[in-house]
C-alpha atoms as a PDB file:
ATOM      1  CA  MET A   1     237.695  96.265  18.896  1.00  0.00           C
ATOM      2  CA  MET A   2     239.092  94.020  21.680  1.00  0.00           C
ATOM      3  CA  THR A   3     242.584  94.658  20.649  1.00  0.00           C
ATOM      4  CA  GLU A   4     242.144  98.368  20.591  1.00  0.00           C
ATOM      5  CA  LEU A   5     240.666  98.153  24.087  1.00  0.00           C
ATOM      6  CA  VAL A   6     243.570  96.067  25.517  1.00  0.00           C
ATOM      7  CA  VAL A   7     246.098  98.504  23.817  1.00  0.00           C
ATOM      8  CA  ILE A   8     244.190 101.396  25.343  1.00  0.00           C
ATOM      9  CA  ILE A   9     243.944  99.888  28.931  1.00  0.00           C
ATOM     10  CA  GLY A  10     247.778  98.930  28.653  1.00  0.00           C
ATOM     11  CA  GLY A  11     248.681 102.450  27.688  1.00  0.00           C
ATOM     12  CA  PHE A  12     246.783 103.760  30.654  1.00  0.00           C
ATOM     13  CA  LEU A  13     248.485 101.192  32.897  1.00  0.00           C
ATOM     14  CA  GLY A  14     252.073 102.110  31.386  1.00  0.00           C
ATOM     15  CA  LEU A  15     251.181 105.806  31.950  1.00  0.00           C
ATOM     16  CA  GLY A  16     250.039 105.307  35.416  1.00  0.00           C
ATOM     17  CA  LEU A  17     252.995 103.366  36.392  1.00  0.00           C
ATOM     18  CA  TYR A  18     255.397 106.091  34.900  1.00  0.00           C
ATOM     19  CA  VAL A  19     253.557 108.822  36.838  1.00  0.00           C
ATOM     20  CA  TRP A  20     253.782 106.641  40.094  1.00  0.00           C
ATOM     21  CA  LEU A  21     257.491 106.080  39.584  1.00  0.00           C
ATOM     22  CA  SER A  22     257.990 109.694  38.874  1.00  0.00           C
ATOM     23  CA  ILE A  23     256.359 110.892  41.999  1.00  0.00           C
ATOM     24  CA  GLY A  24     258.390 108.518  44.098  1.00  0.00           C
ATOM     25  CA  GLY A  25     261.437 110.023  42.529  1.00  0.00           C
ATOM     26  CA  VAL A  26     260.475 113.599  43.106  1.00  0.00           C
ATOM     27  CA  LYS A  27     259.419 112.670  46.805  1.00  0.00           C
ATOM     28  CA  ALA A  28     262.861 111.368  47.415  1.00  0.00           C
ATOM     29  CA  HIS A  29     264.662 114.391  45.963  1.00  0.00           C
ATOM     30  CA  LEU A  30     262.446 116.698  47.925  1.00  0.00           C
ATOM     31  CA  ASP A  31     263.299 114.620  51.252  1.00  0.00           C
ATOM     32  CA  ASP A  32     266.940 114.958  50.350  1.00  0.00           C
ATOM     33  CA  SER A  33     266.704 118.728  49.362  1.00  0.00           C
ATOM     34  CA  LEU A  34     264.780 119.376  52.820  1.00  0.00           C
ATOM     35  CA  GLU A  35     267.464 117.641  54.720  1.00  0.00           C
ATOM     36  CA  GLU A  36     270.148 119.770  53.162  1.00  0.00           C
ATOM     37  CA  LEU A  37     268.267 122.976  53.519  1.00  0.00           C
ATOM     38  CA  ASP A  38     267.822 122.242  57.440  1.00  0.00           C
ATOM     39  CA  GLY A  39     271.472 121.614  57.795  1.00  0.00           C
ATOM     40  CA  LYS A  40     272.218 124.754  55.936  1.00  0.00           C
ATOM     41  CA  LEU A  41     269.879 126.604  57.968  1.00  0.00           C
ATOM     42  CA  ALA A  42     271.192 125.230  61.406  1.00  0.00           C
ATOM     43  CA  GLN A  43     274.563 126.371  60.277  1.00  0.00           C
ATOM     44  CA  VAL A  44     273.532 129.970  59.167  1.00  0.00           C
ATOM     45  CA  VAL A  45     271.544 130.547  62.500  1.00  0.00           C
ATOM     46  CA  GLN A  46     274.558 129.247  64.630  1.00  0.00           C
ATOM     47  CA  GLN A  47     276.866 131.722  62.470  1.00  0.00           C
ATOM     48  CA  VAL A  48     274.554 134.536  63.071  1.00  0.00           C
ATOM     49  CA  MET A  49     274.505 133.716  67.089  1.00  0.00           C
ATOM     50  CA  GLN A  50     278.301 133.454  67.068  1.00  0.00           C
ATOM     51  CA  ALA A  51     278.624 136.735  65.211  1.00  0.00           C
ATOM     52  CA  GLY A  52     276.188 138.413  67.557  1.00  0.00           C
ATOM     53  CA  ALA A  53     278.143 137.087  70.657  1.00  0.00           C
ATOM     54  CA  GLN A  54     281.249 138.441  69.300  1.00  0.00           C
ATOM     55  CA  MET A  55     279.855 141.925  68.650  1.00  0.00           C
ATOM     56  CA  GLY A  56     279.604 142.297  72.490  1.00  0.00           C
ATOM     57  CA  GLU A  57     275.989 142.457  72.835  1.00  0.00           C
ATOM     58  CA  ASN A  58     274.523 142.558  76.209  1.00  0.00           C
ATOM     59  CA  ALA A  59     274.293 139.200  78.000  1.00  0.00           C
ATOM     60  CA  PRO A  60     270.781 137.882  78.197  1.00  0.00           C
ATOM     61  CA  ASN A  61     268.960 138.776  81.610  1.00  0.00           C
ATOM     62  CA  PRO A  62     267.786 136.102  84.102  1.00  0.00           C
ATOM     63  CA  MET A  63     264.423 136.104  82.700  1.00  0.00           C
ATOM     64  CA  GLN A  64     265.486 135.666  79.155  1.00  0.00           C
ATOM     65  CA  GLN A  65     267.952 132.824  80.147  1.00  0.00           C
ATOM     66  CA  MET A  66     265.035 130.945  81.971  1.00  0.00           C
ATOM     67  CA  MET A  67     262.840 131.443  78.961  1.00  0.00           C
ATOM     68  CA  MET A  68     265.557 130.032  76.611  1.00  0.00           C
ATOM     69  CA  GLY A  69     266.051 127.166  79.082  1.00  0.00           C
ATOM     70  CA  LEU A  70     262.198 126.210  79.022  1.00  0.00           C
ATOM     71  CA  ILE A  71     262.162 126.499  75.252  1.00  0.00           C
ATOM     72  CA  GLN A  72     265.143 124.240  74.913  1.00  0.00           C
ATOM     73  CA  GLN A  73     263.594 121.964  77.311  1.00  0.00           C
ATOM     74  CA  ARG A  74     260.436 121.796  75.376  1.00  0.00           C
ATOM     75  CA  MET A  75     262.122 121.312  72.013  1.00  0.00           C
ATOM     76  CA  GLN A  76     263.805 118.008  73.213  1.00  0.00           C
ATOM     77  CA  THR A  77     260.564 116.413  73.733  1.00  0.00           C
ATOM     78  CA  LEU A  78     259.236 117.168  70.159  1.00  0.00           C
ATOM     79  CA  HIS A  79     259.991 115.277  67.090  1.00  0.00           C
ATOM     80  CA  ARG A  80     258.407 115.257  63.631  1.00  0.00           C
ATOM     81  CA  GLY A  81     255.750 112.561  62.964  1.00  0.00           C
ATOM     82  CA  GLU A  82     255.048 110.611  59.920  1.00  0.00           C
ATOM     83  CA  ASP A  83     252.965 113.617  58.516  1.00  0.00           C
ATOM     84  CA  GLY A  84     255.392 116.329  59.070  1.00  0.00           C
ATOM     85  CA  GLN A  85     253.685 117.655  62.124  1.00  0.00           C
ATOM     86  CA  PHE A  86     255.435 118.080  65.507  1.00  0.00           C
ATOM     87  CA  VAL A  87     254.558 115.580  68.088  1.00  0.00           C
ATOM     88  CA  GLN A  88     255.331 115.663  71.690  1.00  0.00           C
ATOM     89  CA  THR A  89     257.254 112.480  72.987  1.00  0.00           C
ATOM     90  CA  PRO A  90     256.553 111.591  76.635  1.00  0.00           C
ATOM     91  CA  PRO A  91     259.334 112.299  78.990  1.00  0.00           C
ATOM     92  CA  GLU A  92     261.856 109.555  79.876  1.00  0.00           C
ATOM     93  CA  PRO A  93     261.643 108.089  83.480  1.00  0.00           C
END
């Protein structure tokens, strides 16, 4: 009876260890994949913007330029926190 209990507990511990290690591997793979996807997405957006500029579209008006400047300025103060949410960093003195 005691031997069977030890075997069952050992099996559950082994299974738990396997699941824990598997989750760590999946997390690492997802992190790498998301970084790669982020880089590819940035390249595509840049290519689309360059293609639009080459097509001779109208230049942005002053109000649009001001808004783009504000958004770019705001994005420089944001970074992703540990939980993946955007966190605003204080401005540098």
